[in-house]
Protein backbone atom coordinates (compact mmCIF):
# COMPACT_ATOMS: atom_id res chain seq x y z
CA MET A 1 -108.86 -2.94 -10.14
CA ARG A 2 -109.42 -4.94 -7.12
CA LYS A 3 -106.64 -5.46 -4.77
CA LEU A 4 -106.31 -8.64 -2.60
CA LEU A 5 -103.77 -8.89 0.15
CA ILE A 6 -102.57 -12.39 1.30
CA LEU A 7 -101.23 -11.71 4.93
CA THR A 8 -100.01 -14.88 6.45
CA HIS A 9 -97.23 -14.01 9.12
CA HIS A 10 -96.67 -16.90 11.47
CA ARG A 11 -93.88 -18.42 13.51
CA LEU A 12 -94.39 -21.66 11.61
CA GLN A 13 -93.51 -21.67 8.07
CA LEU A 14 -96.02 -24.11 7.15
CA TRP A 15 -98.81 -21.48 7.71
CA ILE A 16 -97.25 -18.75 5.51
CA ALA A 17 -98.71 -19.03 1.95
CA PRO A 18 -96.21 -20.51 -0.35
CA PRO A 19 -95.04 -18.55 -3.53
CA TRP A 20 -97.33 -20.55 -5.79
CA PHE A 21 -100.33 -19.68 -4.05
CA SER A 22 -100.42 -15.93 -5.12
CA GLU A 23 -98.86 -16.78 -8.49
CA ARG A 24 -101.57 -19.18 -9.30
CA LEU A 25 -104.33 -16.51 -8.12
CA ARG A 26 -102.59 -14.00 -10.50
CA ARG A 27 -102.86 -16.32 -13.54
CA GLU A 28 -106.49 -17.39 -12.76
CA PHE A 29 -107.62 -13.86 -11.86
CA PRO A 30 -105.90 -11.38 -13.93
CA ASP A 31 -108.25 -8.60 -13.01
CA ILE A 32 -107.41 -8.81 -9.39
CA GLU A 33 -104.13 -7.22 -8.11
CA VAL A 34 -102.76 -9.94 -5.78
CA ALA A 35 -100.11 -8.82 -3.15
CA GLN A 36 -98.46 -10.64 -0.45
CA LEU A 37 -96.97 -9.83 2.89
CA ASN A 38 -95.42 -12.31 5.31
CA SER A 39 -95.13 -9.93 8.10
CA TYR A 40 -97.20 -7.33 9.87
CA GLU A 41 -94.60 -4.41 9.24
CA ASN A 42 -96.13 -1.64 7.42
CA VAL A 43 -99.68 -3.32 7.12
CA GLU A 44 -101.39 0.12 7.77
CA GLN A 45 -99.85 1.53 4.70
CA ASN A 46 -100.28 -1.63 2.52
CA ILE A 47 -103.94 -2.21 3.44
CA VAL A 48 -105.35 1.26 2.71
CA ASP A 49 -106.50 0.14 -0.69
CA VAL A 50 -107.19 -3.40 -0.27
CA GLU A 51 -110.44 -4.87 -0.77
CA ILE A 52 -110.15 -8.48 0.01
CA MET A 53 -107.97 -10.10 2.48
CA PHE A 54 -106.69 -13.45 3.14
CA GLY A 55 -105.02 -14.21 6.42
CA ILE A 56 -104.95 -15.22 10.10
CA SER A 57 -105.69 -12.23 12.09
CA LEU A 58 -105.75 -8.29 11.92
CA ARG A 59 -105.47 -5.73 14.79
CA PRO A 60 -108.17 -3.05 15.15
CA GLU A 61 -105.77 -0.43 14.25
CA GLN A 62 -104.81 -2.10 10.95
CA PHE A 63 -108.57 -2.71 10.31
CA LEU A 64 -109.31 0.95 10.68
CA ALA A 65 -106.68 1.88 8.11
CA ALA A 66 -108.37 -0.46 5.49
CA ASN A 67 -110.84 1.97 3.94
CA LYS A 68 -111.68 -0.20 1.00
CA LEU A 69 -111.82 -3.60 2.90
CA ARG A 70 -115.02 -5.58 2.10
CA TRP A 71 -114.11 -9.10 2.87
CA ILE A 72 -111.82 -11.30 5.16
CA HIS A 73 -111.15 -14.77 4.37
CA SER A 74 -109.46 -16.46 7.55
CA GLN A 75 -107.18 -19.44 6.66
CA ALA A 76 -108.10 -20.76 10.03
CA ALA A 77 -111.52 -22.17 11.25
CA ALA A 78 -111.23 -20.29 14.32
CA VAL A 79 -111.93 -16.60 13.86
CA HIS A 80 -112.08 -15.13 17.50
CA GLN A 81 -109.13 -13.34 16.90
CA LEU A 82 -111.08 -11.28 14.31
CA MET A 83 -114.09 -10.66 16.48
CA PHE A 84 -113.04 -7.17 17.90
CA PRO A 85 -115.94 -4.66 17.93
CA GLU A 86 -114.84 -2.51 15.06
CA LEU A 87 -114.95 -5.41 12.72
CA VAL A 88 -118.10 -7.18 14.31
CA THR A 89 -120.14 -3.93 13.70
CA SER A 90 -118.86 -3.12 10.26
CA ASP A 91 -120.31 -4.43 7.12
CA VAL A 92 -117.28 -6.45 6.11
CA ILE A 93 -117.89 -10.07 5.18
CA VAL A 94 -115.81 -12.75 6.93
CA THR A 95 -115.51 -16.35 5.96
CA ASN A 96 -113.43 -19.07 7.36
CA ALA A 97 -111.45 -22.28 6.34
CA ARG A 98 -113.72 -24.89 8.41
CA ASP A 99 -114.22 -26.92 5.14
CA VAL A 100 -110.48 -26.96 4.67
CA HIS A 101 -109.64 -28.14 8.18
CA GLY A 102 -112.63 -30.14 9.15
CA PRO A 103 -112.18 -33.21 7.39
CA VAL A 104 -108.42 -33.43 8.28
CA VAL A 105 -108.92 -32.70 12.09
CA ALA A 106 -111.70 -35.46 12.11
CA GLU A 107 -109.11 -38.00 10.77
CA GLN A 108 -107.10 -36.91 13.88
CA VAL A 109 -109.97 -37.33 16.17
CA MET A 110 -110.31 -40.78 15.12
CA ALA A 111 -106.63 -41.36 15.60
CA MET A 112 -106.89 -40.22 18.93
CA ILE A 113 -109.86 -42.52 19.97
CA PHE A 114 -108.11 -45.44 18.60
CA ALA A 115 -104.87 -44.52 20.37
CA LEU A 116 -106.74 -44.06 24.04
CA ALA A 117 -108.79 -47.23 23.32
CA LYS A 118 -105.89 -49.36 22.33
CA GLN A 119 -103.47 -48.26 24.85
CA ILE A 120 -101.11 -46.84 22.07
CA PRO A 121 -99.18 -44.37 24.22
CA ALA A 122 -98.55 -46.98 27.05
CA ALA A 123 -97.08 -49.17 24.36
CA VAL A 124 -94.66 -46.46 23.01
CA ARG A 125 -93.56 -45.82 26.50
CA PHE A 126 -92.77 -49.52 26.93
CA GLN A 127 -91.19 -49.57 23.84
CA HIS A 128 -88.75 -46.49 24.82
CA ARG A 129 -87.76 -48.78 27.95
CA HIS A 130 -87.22 -51.96 25.93
CA VAL A 131 -90.01 -53.54 27.89
CA TRP A 132 -92.59 -56.07 27.00
CA GLY A 133 -95.58 -54.44 28.42
CA GLN A 134 -98.20 -57.19 27.37
CA GLU A 135 -99.22 -57.98 31.01
CA ALA A 136 -99.10 -54.30 32.20
CA ILE A 137 -101.37 -53.12 29.36
CA SER A 138 -103.80 -56.18 29.73
CA CYS A 139 -104.13 -56.01 33.33
CA ALA A 140 -104.46 -52.20 33.89
CA THR A 141 -106.62 -50.15 31.75
CA ARG A 142 -107.40 -52.82 29.26
CA PRO A 143 -107.59 -52.21 25.39
CA ARG A 144 -111.38 -51.36 24.53
CA GLU A 145 -113.56 -52.08 21.54
CA ILE A 146 -114.57 -48.95 19.44
CA ALA A 147 -117.60 -50.66 18.06
CA GLY A 148 -120.66 -50.00 20.61
CA ALA A 149 -119.09 -47.39 22.28
CA THR A 150 -121.10 -44.08 22.52
CA LEU A 151 -119.37 -40.76 21.15
CA GLY A 152 -120.40 -37.52 22.26
CA LEU A 153 -119.80 -34.45 20.13
CA ILE A 154 -119.92 -30.98 21.51
CA GLY A 155 -119.70 -28.92 18.14
CA LEU A 156 -121.63 -29.97 15.00
CA GLY A 157 -119.59 -27.98 12.38
CA SER A 158 -117.37 -29.64 9.76
CA ILE A 159 -115.06 -31.39 12.18
CA GLY A 160 -118.15 -32.67 13.98
CA ARG A 161 -119.92 -34.00 11.18
CA ASN A 162 -116.88 -35.54 9.64
CA VAL A 163 -116.14 -37.19 12.92
CA ALA A 164 -119.99 -38.50 13.07
CA LYS A 165 -119.45 -40.02 9.55
CA HIS A 166 -116.22 -42.04 10.67
CA ALA A 167 -117.35 -42.90 13.99
CA SER A 168 -120.78 -44.31 12.79
CA ALA A 169 -118.97 -46.39 10.16
CA LEU A 170 -117.08 -48.06 12.89
CA GLY A 171 -120.27 -48.96 14.74
CA MET A 172 -120.22 -46.16 17.32
CA ARG A 173 -123.20 -44.69 18.68
CA VAL A 174 -123.11 -40.89 18.03
CA ILE A 175 -124.97 -38.19 20.11
CA ALA A 176 -124.45 -34.59 20.12
CA VAL A 177 -125.37 -31.11 21.83
CA ARG A 178 -126.06 -28.16 19.84
CA GLU A 179 -127.52 -24.66 20.72
CA HIS A 180 -130.50 -25.09 18.42
CA PRO A 181 -131.53 -28.94 18.35
CA GLU A 182 -134.49 -27.98 16.24
CA LYS A 183 -132.24 -27.67 13.20
CA GLY A 184 -132.42 -31.49 13.19
CA LYS A 185 -130.03 -34.54 13.24
CA PRO A 186 -127.11 -34.40 10.79
CA GLN A 187 -126.44 -37.38 9.04
CA ASN A 188 -124.82 -40.16 11.26
CA VAL A 189 -126.01 -38.50 14.45
CA GLU A 190 -128.28 -40.59 16.42
CA GLU A 191 -129.50 -38.08 18.97
CA VAL A 192 -129.31 -34.41 19.28
CA LEU A 193 -129.62 -32.57 22.62
CA PRO A 194 -130.02 -28.99 23.51
CA SER A 195 -127.01 -27.32 25.15
CA SER A 196 -128.87 -27.23 28.46
CA LYS A 197 -128.60 -31.12 28.55
CA LEU A 198 -124.55 -31.07 28.34
CA LEU A 199 -124.54 -33.14 31.51
CA ASP A 200 -126.73 -35.90 30.06
CA LEU A 201 -124.40 -36.27 27.06
CA LEU A 202 -121.42 -36.29 29.17
CA ALA A 203 -122.88 -39.02 31.53
CA GLN A 204 -123.74 -41.16 28.22
CA SER A 205 -120.40 -40.81 26.39
CA ASP A 206 -117.50 -43.23 26.50
CA TYR A 207 -115.70 -40.61 24.22
CA VAL A 208 -116.31 -36.85 24.30
CA VAL A 209 -115.12 -34.79 21.49
CA LEU A 210 -114.72 -30.91 21.71
CA SER A 211 -114.69 -28.98 18.52
CA THR A 212 -117.00 -25.96 19.02
CA PRO A 213 -115.77 -22.61 18.61
CA VAL A 214 -114.60 -20.25 21.63
CA THR A 215 -117.17 -17.70 22.46
CA ALA A 216 -118.15 -16.21 25.93
CA GLU A 217 -120.50 -19.01 26.31
CA THR A 218 -117.99 -21.92 25.43
CA THR A 219 -114.99 -20.64 27.44
CA GLY A 220 -114.42 -22.86 30.18
CA MET A 221 -117.42 -24.96 29.34
CA ILE A 222 -115.68 -28.17 30.80
CA GLY A 223 -114.81 -27.85 34.33
CA ARG A 224 -115.03 -29.80 37.49
CA PRO A 225 -118.97 -30.31 37.39
CA GLN A 226 -118.95 -31.40 33.79
CA LEU A 227 -115.72 -33.84 34.34
CA ALA A 228 -117.52 -35.23 37.52
CA ALA A 229 -120.63 -35.96 35.09
CA MET A 230 -118.56 -38.21 32.76
CA LYS A 231 -118.01 -42.12 33.45
CA ALA A 232 -114.77 -43.24 35.06
CA ASN A 233 -113.77 -44.93 32.16
CA ALA A 234 -114.54 -42.13 29.56
CA CYS A 235 -112.18 -40.11 27.70
CA LEU A 236 -112.06 -36.51 26.83
CA ILE A 237 -110.74 -35.30 23.19
CA ASN A 238 -110.29 -31.54 22.58
CA VAL A 239 -109.51 -30.17 18.98
CA GLY A 240 -111.29 -27.13 19.37
CA ARG A 241 -109.28 -24.45 21.49
CA GLY A 242 -107.62 -24.54 24.89
CA PRO A 243 -109.89 -22.11 26.63
CA LEU A 244 -112.89 -24.74 26.37
CA ILE A 245 -111.36 -26.57 29.11
CA ASP A 246 -110.55 -25.66 32.74
CA GLU A 247 -107.10 -27.14 32.56
CA SER A 248 -106.53 -27.20 36.31
CA ALA A 249 -109.77 -29.30 36.58
CA LEU A 250 -108.78 -31.71 33.95
CA ILE A 251 -105.27 -32.33 35.66
CA GLU A 252 -106.98 -32.94 38.78
CA ALA A 253 -109.44 -35.49 37.20
CA LEU A 254 -106.73 -37.30 35.29
CA ARG A 255 -104.52 -37.42 38.55
CA GLU A 256 -107.24 -38.81 40.47
CA ASP A 257 -108.48 -41.15 37.65
CA LYS A 258 -111.95 -39.50 37.65
CA ILE A 259 -111.97 -40.12 33.90
CA SER A 260 -109.88 -42.63 32.18
CA GLY A 261 -107.94 -40.46 29.91
CA ALA A 262 -107.75 -37.33 27.41
CA ALA A 263 -106.30 -36.32 24.28
CA LEU A 264 -105.31 -32.68 23.48
CA ASP A 265 -104.44 -30.90 20.41
CA VAL A 266 -104.98 -27.52 21.68
CA PHE A 267 -104.12 -25.74 24.93
CA ASN A 268 -104.60 -22.45 26.83
CA GLN A 269 -101.10 -21.42 26.21
CA GLU A 270 -99.12 -22.62 23.06
CA PRO A 271 -96.48 -23.75 22.76
CA LEU A 272 -97.10 -25.76 26.19
CA PRO A 273 -94.76 -24.48 28.67
CA GLU A 274 -92.07 -26.80 29.77
CA ASP A 275 -93.23 -26.59 33.30
CA SER A 276 -96.69 -27.65 32.73
CA SER A 277 -98.29 -30.35 34.76
CA LEU A 278 -100.06 -31.82 31.62
CA TRP A 279 -96.68 -33.25 30.31
CA ASP A 280 -96.33 -35.87 33.15
CA LEU A 281 -99.85 -37.16 33.07
CA GLU A 282 -99.57 -40.78 31.72
CA ASN A 283 -103.22 -40.79 31.04
CA LEU A 284 -102.98 -37.66 28.58
CA LEU A 285 -102.05 -37.88 25.07
CA ILE A 286 -100.52 -34.40 23.93
CA MET A 287 -100.50 -33.30 20.22
CA PRO A 288 -98.75 -30.14 19.46
CA HIS A 289 -101.75 -28.35 17.73
CA THR A 290 -101.28 -30.49 14.30
CA ALA A 291 -104.57 -31.90 13.86
CA GLY A 292 -105.49 -29.60 10.71
CA ILE A 293 -101.99 -29.88 9.20
CA SER A 294 -101.68 -32.25 5.99
CA GLU A 295 -99.59 -32.36 3.17
CA LYS A 296 -102.45 -31.08 0.98
CA MET A 297 -103.33 -28.13 3.23
CA TRP A 298 -102.29 -25.39 0.95
CA GLU A 299 -104.02 -27.26 -2.12
CA ARG A 300 -107.20 -27.35 -0.12
CA HIS A 301 -107.04 -23.74 0.89
CA TYR A 302 -106.52 -22.90 -2.91
CA ALA A 303 -109.38 -24.89 -3.96
CA LEU A 304 -111.81 -23.11 -1.25
CA PHE A 305 -110.38 -19.69 -1.58
CA SER A 306 -110.41 -19.47 -5.34
CA GLU A 307 -114.09 -20.92 -5.58
CA ASN A 308 -115.00 -18.23 -3.06
CA LEU A 309 -113.18 -15.49 -5.16
CA LYS A 310 -115.07 -16.44 -8.11
CA ARG A 311 -118.38 -16.18 -6.09
CA TYR A 312 -117.24 -12.83 -4.87
CA VAL A 313 -116.57 -11.44 -8.23
CA SER A 314 -119.79 -12.53 -9.57
CA GLY A 315 -121.94 -11.73 -6.83
CA GLN A 316 -122.78 -15.23 -5.51
CA PRO A 317 -123.05 -16.44 -1.64
CA LEU A 318 -119.81 -17.16 -0.23
CA LEU A 319 -118.68 -20.50 1.30
CA GLY A 320 -117.85 -20.56 4.89
CA LEU A 321 -119.53 -17.40 5.83
CA VAL A 322 -119.01 -16.30 9.52
CA ASP A 323 -121.88 -15.01 11.63
CA LYS A 324 -120.13 -12.13 13.24
CA GLN A 325 -122.50 -11.59 16.13
CA LYS A 326 -122.18 -15.32 17.01
CA GLY A 327 -118.45 -15.37 16.42
CA TYR A 328 -118.49 -18.62 14.41
């Protein structure tokens, strides 16, 4: 009998699989033994005979104890926390939840673009002070129109493709960079440049969206030279991972108005420390890593994972397959 372990320990209750998740799996897959742990205590003992794992992360010593493990499904889109050598060089399959989170994160990206373009954070600050800020908003960094603006995508996965769909429908010109431009242009993307042309994309874009995975190549990919290449009235949005950006360089660029603004959902350190200089930047919109959260999140997880479980049992290709050598 195959054994499935749901291992969803997290400081946020929302990221722990609700009881109905494992109960529904037991009903739908009676030939699979389903166990659930909400902490990493005694994982080594419980994972010895597990064939399938659903969870966020696993330490190397825990992985080495899993003698029968054949498939790990990450409930997150990012899998860098699983890319340790023992797992990468093994024959264990890894899939992720990019198609669960991608469409929802894309909605957040569009909300951030609207917030920056229409000066919504400034209006909220005036509201808290009981100030009618019409003159200040209209005379300083004026509200901008979305239609006709150029959106530069760094990352053409599930998030990027969904952002392109929404942005194109609003009349934005969408361009992107990707490692292999020969793969062609996704729908709603006007031009795809090679990664070597990143500075060209930055120079053209009114809004730059980061949604690429964290790898050795992408860590710190937005630093002083890249921020200097952006338009003075451009905005940077990061929904990928914090290490993609050199935060000190971004703080400098925002303080000195080298770019118009930024919106971040992810940071190098989370929760963001109270003494971080990022808090006090009025041209920065901070979201507490909530872009992938929705009221339907666990229903979406179940739909993807149960479909993949059917495929696994019947020997069909799995959805959301991760290339372990590339790390995404």
